[in-house]
Amino acid sequence: MNAFISIIFRCTKDIANSLIPEHLKYLYGGSMNKIFQSDFVSLDYLLSQHSDLFLLDSINKRIFITNSFSKIIKHDILINVQLYIIIVIVLILIIVFQYKKNKELKSKLQQFDHDLQNRNTKMALQDIIQLAKKNDASFLTHFADLYPNFRCNLKTINPKLEQSELVFCSMIKLNFSSKEIAQCLVIQHTSVQRRKNRIRKKFFIPNDVNIYEFFSEM
């Protein structure tokens, strides 16, 4: 009878050992021998202990999986945030670079237009000077193209301005000397001085004001 009980107990022990997970076996020294040292251990006790241990193992696995997924999600979020920051920085750098490039290009175009305008103005001025020296009839027409407000400004001060006086004032505007004016108009140098005095009176220019500076600002 004792042998039969011993066989049943050994079989029960082997079945219980086979049901326990490996990591729990390791926890209890690699086997359940310590549990079965008492002759009063029952099969119900073994099964209840196995159920509790299995539940604990299941909970631990769920916690491990949850923590693993949480770490993966945090890592992915961190990577996405870093990638977003890098993209934003790159876009800002591209915008700044393009802005500076456009600004430089605009500045160069403005400088080119300014230089071209100055070149054209100088060429037109040289042509007008040559027309004045030749006493050409088209002188005032070309002069008005280069200085469109000059005639109107003079007429505002003195509406009774004559054509010959306008020519004389235009030559002063071009900074012609008295000698050059005399040569262009084929008159005496003293006649130029008298005309300058009459112009001073017509435009109310004080004697202490340079007549060339007065017309250069017109």
C-alpha atoms as a PDB file:
ATOM      1  CA  MET A   1       0.000   0.000   0.000  1.00  0.00           C
ATOM      2  CA  ASN A   2       2.792   2.413   0.840  1.00  0.00           C
ATOM      3  CA  ALA A   3       4.512   1.606  -2.457  1.00  0.00           C
ATOM      4  CA  PHE A   4       1.329   2.400  -4.365  1.00  0.00           C
ATOM      5  CA  ILE A   5       0.990   5.747  -2.549  1.00  0.00           C
ATOM      6  CA  SER A   6       4.654   6.487  -3.274  1.00  0.00           C
ATOM      7  CA  ILE A   7       4.139   5.806  -6.993  1.00  0.00           C
ATOM      8  CA  ILE A   8       1.072   8.101  -7.107  1.00  0.00           C
ATOM      9  CA  PHE A   9       2.945  10.818  -5.238  1.00  0.00           C
ATOM     10  CA  ARG A  10       5.916  10.553  -7.642  1.00  0.00           C
ATOM     11  CA  CYS A  11       3.620  10.776 -10.674  1.00  0.00           C
ATOM     12  CA  THR A  12       1.831  13.756  -9.188  1.00  0.00           C
ATOM     13  CA  LYS A  13       5.190  15.407  -8.557  1.00  0.00           C
ATOM     14  CA  ASP A  14       6.308  14.845 -12.167  1.00  0.00           C
ATOM     15  CA  ILE A  15       3.028  16.233 -13.553  1.00  0.00           C
ATOM     16  CA  ALA A  16       3.278  19.300 -11.336  1.00  0.00           C
ATOM     17  CA  ASN A  17       6.909  19.853 -12.389  1.00  0.00           C
ATOM     18  CA  SER A  18       5.936  19.651 -16.068  1.00  0.00           C
ATOM     19  CA  LEU A  19       3.200  22.278 -15.603  1.00  0.00           C
ATOM     20  CA  ILE A  20       5.431  24.891 -13.913  1.00  0.00           C
ATOM     21  CA  PRO A  21       7.073  27.401 -16.347  1.00  0.00           C
ATOM     22  CA  GLU A  22      10.842  27.153 -16.745  1.00  0.00           C
ATOM     23  CA  HIS A  23      11.624  30.584 -15.261  1.00  0.00           C
ATOM     24  CA  LEU A  24       9.567  29.719 -12.169  1.00  0.00           C
ATOM     25  CA  LYS A  25      11.411  26.450 -11.843  1.00  0.00           C
ATOM     26  CA  TYR A  26      14.633  28.438 -11.877  1.00  0.00           C
ATOM     27  CA  LEU A  27      13.167  30.701  -9.210  1.00  0.00           C
ATOM     28  CA  TYR A  28      12.519  27.700  -6.996  1.00  0.00           C
ATOM     29  CA  GLY A  29      15.894  26.090  -7.566  1.00  0.00           C
ATOM     30  CA  GLY A  30      15.174  24.357 -10.872  1.00  0.00           C
ATOM     31  CA  SER A  31      12.562  21.908  -9.580  1.00  0.00           C
ATOM     32  CA  MET A  32       9.721  21.441  -7.143  1.00  0.00           C
ATOM     33  CA  ASN A  33      11.622  19.046  -4.896  1.00  0.00           C
ATOM     34  CA  LYS A  34      11.610  21.495  -2.006  1.00  0.00           C
ATOM     35  CA  ILE A  35       7.852  21.743  -2.138  1.00  0.00           C
ATOM     36  CA  PHE A  36       7.472  17.965  -2.078  1.00  0.00           C
ATOM     37  CA  GLN A  37       9.740  17.423   0.919  1.00  0.00           C
ATOM     38  CA  SER A  38       6.640  17.151   3.081  1.00  0.00           C
ATOM     39  CA  ASP A  39       4.508  14.042   2.858  1.00  0.00           C
ATOM     40  CA  PHE A  40       1.392  16.169   3.437  1.00  0.00           C
ATOM     41  CA  VAL A  41       1.491  18.094   0.105  1.00  0.00           C
ATOM     42  CA  SER A  42      -1.712  17.384  -1.806  1.00  0.00           C
ATOM     43  CA  LEU A  43      -2.504  17.566  -5.512  1.00  0.00           C
ATOM     44  CA  ASP A  44      -5.053  20.357  -4.900  1.00  0.00           C
ATOM     45  CA  TYR A  45      -2.367  22.394  -3.188  1.00  0.00           C
ATOM     46  CA  LEU A  46      -0.027  21.951  -6.142  1.00  0.00           C
ATOM     47  CA  LEU A  47      -2.693  22.954  -8.632  1.00  0.00           C
ATOM     48  CA  SER A  48      -3.677  26.051  -6.613  1.00  0.00           C
ATOM     49  CA  GLN A  49      -0.008  27.089  -6.352  1.00  0.00           C
ATOM     50  CA  HIS A  50       0.453  26.571 -10.085  1.00  0.00           C
ATOM     51  CA  SER A  51      -2.647  28.708 -10.843  1.00  0.00           C
ATOM     52  CA  ASP A  52      -1.332  31.598  -8.727  1.00  0.00           C
ATOM     53  CA  LEU A  53       2.109  31.389 -10.260  1.00  0.00           C
ATOM     54  CA  PHE A  54       0.680  31.247 -13.799  1.00  0.00           C
ATOM     55  CA  LEU A  55      -1.461  34.318 -13.079  1.00  0.00           C
ATOM     56  CA  LEU A  56       1.576  36.206 -11.742  1.00  0.00           C
ATOM     57  CA  ASP A  57       3.612  35.162 -14.763  1.00  0.00           C
ATOM     58  CA  SER A  58       0.835  36.348 -17.115  1.00  0.00           C
ATOM     59  CA  ILE A  59       0.654  39.723 -15.333  1.00  0.00           C
ATOM     60  CA  ASN A  60       4.423  40.104 -15.486  1.00  0.00           C
ATOM     61  CA  LYS A  61       4.411  39.332 -19.214  1.00  0.00           C
ATOM     62  CA  ARG A  62       1.675  41.887 -19.838  1.00  0.00           C
ATOM     63  CA  ILE A  63       3.584  44.514 -17.852  1.00  0.00           C
ATOM     64  CA  PHE A  64       6.770  43.720 -19.793  1.00  0.00           C
ATOM     65  CA  ILE A  65       4.959  43.957 -23.161  1.00  0.00           C
ATOM     66  CA  THR A  66       3.245  47.201 -22.131  1.00  0.00           C
ATOM     67  CA  ASN A  67       6.537  48.726 -21.018  1.00  0.00           C
ATOM     68  CA  SER A  68       8.213  47.580 -24.226  1.00  0.00           C
ATOM     69  CA  PHE A  69       5.507  49.154 -26.404  1.00  0.00           C
ATOM     70  CA  SER A  70       5.643  52.322 -24.311  1.00  0.00           C
ATOM     71  CA  LYS A  71       9.401  52.573 -24.859  1.00  0.00           C
ATOM     72  CA  ILE A  72       8.985  51.958 -28.605  1.00  0.00           C
ATOM     73  CA  ILE A  73       6.266  54.610 -28.877  1.00  0.00           C
ATOM     74  CA  LYS A  74       8.327  57.147 -26.902  1.00  0.00           C
ATOM     75  CA  HIS A  75      11.324  56.395 -29.091  1.00  0.00           C
ATOM     76  CA  ASP A  76       9.273  56.823 -32.281  1.00  0.00           C
ATOM     77  CA  ILE A  77       7.791  60.093 -30.993  1.00  0.00           C
ATOM     78  CA  LEU A  78      11.273  61.390 -30.137  1.00  0.00           C
ATOM     79  CA  ILE A  79      12.559  60.478 -33.604  1.00  0.00           C
ATOM     80  CA  ASN A  80       9.563  62.155 -35.261  1.00  0.00           C
ATOM     81  CA  VAL A  81      10.027  65.325 -33.200  1.00  0.00           C
ATOM     82  CA  GLN A  82      13.733  65.450 -34.033  1.00  0.00           C
ATOM     83  CA  LEU A  83      12.976  64.881 -37.711  1.00  0.00           C
ATOM     84  CA  TYR A  84      10.357  67.637 -37.648  1.00  0.00           C
ATOM     85  CA  ILE A  85      12.815  70.061 -36.014  1.00  0.00           C
ATOM     86  CA  ILE A  86      15.464  69.241 -38.620  1.00  0.00           C
ATOM     87  CA  ILE A  87      12.986  69.791 -41.469  1.00  0.00           C
ATOM     88  CA  VAL A  88      11.877  73.130 -39.997  1.00  0.00           C
ATOM     89  CA  ILE A  89      15.501  74.282 -39.585  1.00  0.00           C
ATOM     90  CA  VAL A  90      16.339  73.261 -43.157  1.00  0.00           C
ATOM     91  CA  LEU A  91      13.290  75.102 -44.501  1.00  0.00           C
ATOM     92  CA  ILE A  92      14.211  78.224 -42.517  1.00  0.00           C
ATOM     93  CA  LEU A  93      17.762  78.100 -43.873  1.00  0.00           C
ATOM     94  CA  ILE A  94      16.475  77.704 -47.434  1.00  0.00           C
ATOM     95  CA  ILE A  95      14.088  80.644 -47.011  1.00  0.00           C
ATOM     96  CA  VAL A  96      16.817  82.848 -45.508  1.00  0.00           C
ATOM     97  CA  PHE A  97      19.264  81.897 -48.259  1.00  0.00           C
ATOM     98  CA  GLN A  98      16.683  82.539 -50.985  1.00  0.00           C
ATOM     99  CA  TYR A  99      15.726  85.867 -49.395  1.00  0.00           C
ATOM    100  CA  LYS A 100      19.348  87.029 -49.284  1.00  0.00           C
ATOM    101  CA  LYS A 101      19.889  85.842 -52.839  1.00  0.00           C
ATOM    102  CA  ASN A 102      16.811  87.694 -54.092  1.00  0.00           C
ATOM    103  CA  LYS A 103      17.826  90.797 -52.132  1.00  0.00           C
ATOM    104  CA  GLU A 104      21.303  90.754 -53.664  1.00  0.00           C
ATOM    105  CA  LEU A 105      19.854  90.212 -57.126  1.00  0.00           C
ATOM    106  CA  LYS A 106      17.397  93.059 -56.635  1.00  0.00           C
ATOM    107  CA  SER A 107      20.199  95.318 -55.425  1.00  0.00           C
ATOM    108  CA  LYS A 108      22.305  94.450 -58.469  1.00  0.00           C
ATOM    109  CA  LEU A 109      19.383  95.108 -60.808  1.00  0.00           C
ATOM    110  CA  GLN A 110      18.705  98.449 -59.140  1.00  0.00           C
ATOM    111  CA  GLN A 111      22.369  99.371 -59.398  1.00  0.00           C
ATOM    112  CA  PHE A 112      22.405  98.320 -63.042  1.00  0.00           C
ATOM    113  CA  ASP A 113      19.297 100.409 -63.774  1.00  0.00           C
ATOM    114  CA  HIS A 114      20.820 103.344 -61.912  1.00  0.00           C
ATOM    115  CA  ASP A 115      24.087 103.057 -63.841  1.00  0.00           C
ATOM    116  CA  LEU A 116      22.228 102.682 -67.112  1.00  0.00           C
ATOM    117  CA  GLN A 117      20.078 105.694 -66.331  1.00  0.00           C
ATOM    118  CA  ASN A 118      23.145 107.729 -65.410  1.00  0.00           C
ATOM    119  CA  ARG A 119      24.852 106.618 -68.601  1.00  0.00           C
ATOM    120  CA  ASN A 120      21.841 107.547 -70.676  1.00  0.00           C
ATOM    121  CA  THR A 121      21.544 110.850 -68.820  1.00  0.00           C
ATOM    122  CA  LYS A 122      25.182 111.647 -69.451  1.00  0.00           C
ATOM    123  CA  MET A 123      24.835 110.768 -73.129  1.00  0.00           C
ATOM    124  CA  ALA A 124      21.678 112.869 -73.414  1.00  0.00           C
ATOM    125  CA  LEU A 125      23.376 115.720 -71.561  1.00  0.00           C
ATOM    126  CA  GLN A 126      26.339 115.615 -73.895  1.00  0.00           C
ATOM    127  CA  ASP A 127      23.999 115.696 -76.894  1.00  0.00           C
ATOM    128  CA  ILE A 128      22.125 118.704 -75.446  1.00  0.00           C
ATOM    129  CA  ILE A 129      25.362 120.543 -74.763  1.00  0.00           C
ATOM    130  CA  GLN A 130      26.439 119.985 -78.343  1.00  0.00           C
ATOM    131  CA  LEU A 131      23.069 121.299 -79.595  1.00  0.00           C
ATOM    132  CA  ALA A 132      23.447 124.389 -77.381  1.00  0.00           C
ATOM    133  CA  LYS A 133      26.946 125.057 -78.653  1.00  0.00           C
ATOM    134  CA  LYS A 134      25.673 124.848 -82.203  1.00  0.00           C
ATOM    135  CA  ASN A 135      22.746 127.103 -81.277  1.00  0.00           C
ATOM    136  CA  ASP A 136      20.474 124.431 -82.727  1.00  0.00           C
ATOM    137  CA  ALA A 137      16.744 125.167 -82.852  1.00  0.00           C
ATOM    138  CA  SER A 138      15.955 121.753 -81.281  1.00  0.00           C
ATOM    139  CA  PHE A 139      18.020 122.565 -78.194  1.00  0.00           C
ATOM    140  CA  LEU A 140      15.064 123.534 -75.967  1.00  0.00           C
ATOM    141  CA  THR A 141      13.034 120.506 -77.055  1.00  0.00           C
ATOM    142  CA  HIS A 142      15.762 118.055 -76.034  1.00  0.00           C
ATOM    143  CA  PHE A 143      16.505 120.094 -72.915  1.00  0.00           C
ATOM    144  CA  ALA A 144      12.850 119.799 -71.863  1.00  0.00           C
ATOM    145  CA  ASP A 145      13.067 116.007 -72.252  1.00  0.00           C
ATOM    146  CA  LEU A 146      15.948 115.890 -69.777  1.00  0.00           C
ATOM    147  CA  TYR A 147      14.569 118.554 -67.402  1.00  0.00           C
ATOM    148  CA  PRO A 148      10.770 118.451 -67.863  1.00  0.00           C
ATOM    149  CA  ASN A 149       9.952 120.674 -64.851  1.00  0.00           C
ATOM    150  CA  PHE A 150      12.466 123.424 -65.526  1.00  0.00           C
ATOM    151  CA  ARG A 151      10.269 125.539 -67.792  1.00  0.00           C
ATOM    152  CA  CYS A 152       7.247 125.197 -65.500  1.00  0.00           C
ATOM    153  CA  ASN A 153       9.252 126.215 -62.442  1.00  0.00           C
ATOM    154  CA  LEU A 154      10.494 129.341 -64.222  1.00  0.00           C
ATOM    155  CA  LYS A 155       7.001 130.185 -65.492  1.00  0.00           C
ATOM    156  CA  THR A 156       5.689 129.872 -61.957  1.00  0.00           C
ATOM    157  CA  ILE A 157       8.044 132.621 -60.796  1.00  0.00           C
ATOM    158  CA  ASN A 158       7.651 134.789 -63.886  1.00  0.00           C
ATOM    159  CA  PRO A 159       4.928 133.858 -66.409  1.00  0.00           C
ATOM    160  CA  LYS A 160       6.201 136.533 -68.838  1.00  0.00           C
ATOM    161  CA  LEU A 161       9.429 134.673 -69.532  1.00  0.00           C
ATOM    162  CA  GLU A 162      10.513 135.084 -73.161  1.00  0.00           C
ATOM    163  CA  GLN A 163      11.896 132.317 -75.408  1.00  0.00           C
ATOM    164  CA  SER A 164      15.364 133.883 -75.617  1.00  0.00           C
ATOM    165  CA  GLU A 165      15.442 134.229 -71.840  1.00  0.00           C
ATOM    166  CA  LEU A 166      14.470 130.575 -71.474  1.00  0.00           C
ATOM    167  CA  VAL A 167      17.394 129.596 -73.711  1.00  0.00           C
ATOM    168  CA  PHE A 168      19.716 131.774 -71.640  1.00  0.00           C
ATOM    169  CA  CYS A 169      18.489 130.270 -68.359  1.00  0.00           C
ATOM    170  CA  SER A 170      18.829 126.748 -69.795  1.00  0.00           C
ATOM    171  CA  MET A 171      22.471 127.401 -70.628  1.00  0.00           C
ATOM    172  CA  ILE A 172      23.084 128.605 -67.075  1.00  0.00           C
ATOM    173  CA  LYS A 173      21.359 125.402 -65.873  1.00  0.00           C
ATOM    174  CA  LEU A 174      23.894 123.466 -67.943  1.00  0.00           C
ATOM    175  CA  ASN A 175      26.637 125.415 -66.138  1.00  0.00           C
ATOM    176  CA  PHE A 176      27.827 127.277 -69.239  1.00  0.00           C
ATOM    177  CA  SER A 177      30.326 130.016 -68.410  1.00  0.00           C
ATOM    178  CA  SER A 178      29.731 133.584 -69.571  1.00  0.00           C
ATOM    179  CA  LYS A 179      32.341 133.083 -72.289  1.00  0.00           C
ATOM    180  CA  GLU A 180      30.653 129.881 -73.547  1.00  0.00           C
ATOM    181  CA  ILE A 181      27.228 131.583 -73.563  1.00  0.00           C
ATOM    182  CA  ALA A 182      28.665 134.487 -75.554  1.00  0.00           C
ATOM    183  CA  GLN A 183      30.165 132.091 -78.097  1.00  0.00           C
ATOM    184  CA  CYS A 184      26.964 130.038 -78.442  1.00  0.00           C
ATOM    185  CA  LEU A 185      24.676 133.037 -78.800  1.00  0.00           C
ATOM    186  CA  VAL A 186      27.234 135.007 -80.771  1.00  0.00           C
ATOM    187  CA  ILE A 187      27.091 138.018 -78.455  1.00  0.00           C
ATOM    188  CA  GLN A 188      29.577 140.095 -76.480  1.00  0.00           C
ATOM    189  CA  HIS A 189      30.734 139.043 -73.017  1.00  0.00           C
ATOM    190  CA  THR A 190      29.340 142.274 -71.569  1.00  0.00           C
ATOM    191  CA  SER A 191      25.944 141.452 -73.086  1.00  0.00           C
ATOM    192  CA  VAL A 192      25.973 138.183 -71.161  1.00  0.00           C
ATOM    193  CA  GLN A 193      26.563 140.050 -67.896  1.00  0.00           C
ATOM    194  CA  ARG A 194      23.700 142.465 -68.607  1.00  0.00           C
ATOM    195  CA  ARG A 195      21.348 139.556 -69.347  1.00  0.00           C
ATOM    196  CA  LYS A 196      22.322 137.901 -66.090  1.00  0.00           C
ATOM    197  CA  ASN A 197      21.412 141.068 -64.235  1.00  0.00           C
ATOM    198  CA  ARG A 198      18.016 141.227 -65.962  1.00  0.00           C
ATOM    199  CA  ILE A 199      17.414 137.559 -65.100  1.00  0.00           C
ATOM    200  CA  ARG A 200      18.197 138.291 -61.456  1.00  0.00           C
ATOM    201  CA  LYS A 201      15.548 140.996 -61.413  1.00  0.00           C
ATOM    202  CA  LYS A 202      12.916 138.876 -63.200  1.00  0.00           C
ATOM    203  CA  PHE A 203      13.365 135.939 -60.798  1.00  0.00           C
ATOM    204  CA  PHE A 204      14.075 138.024 -57.692  1.00  0.00           C
ATOM    205  CA  ILE A 205      17.522 136.534 -57.156  1.00  0.00           C
ATOM    206  CA  PRO A 206      19.483 138.390 -54.428  1.00  0.00           C
ATOM    207  CA  ASN A 207      22.948 139.637 -55.278  1.00  0.00           C
ATOM    208  CA  ASP A 208      24.532 137.454 -52.612  1.00  0.00           C
ATOM    209  CA  VAL A 209      23.057 134.269 -54.209  1.00  0.00           C
ATOM    210  CA  ASN A 210      25.047 132.533 -56.935  1.00  0.00           C
ATOM    211  CA  ILE A 211      22.937 132.523 -60.084  1.00  0.00           C
ATOM    212  CA  TYR A 212      24.276 129.094 -61.128  1.00  0.00           C
ATOM    213  CA  GLU A 213      23.300 127.553 -57.783  1.00  0.00           C
ATOM    214  CA  PHE A 214      19.847 129.125 -58.070  1.00  0.00           C
ATOM    215  CA  PHE A 215      19.127 127.535 -61.451  1.00  0.00           C
ATOM    216  CA  SER A 216      20.765 124.213 -60.537  1.00  0.00           C
ATOM    217  CA  GLU A 217      18.044 123.766 -57.898  1.00  0.00           C
ATOM    218  CA  MET A 218      15.225 124.547 -60.298  1.00  0.00           C
END
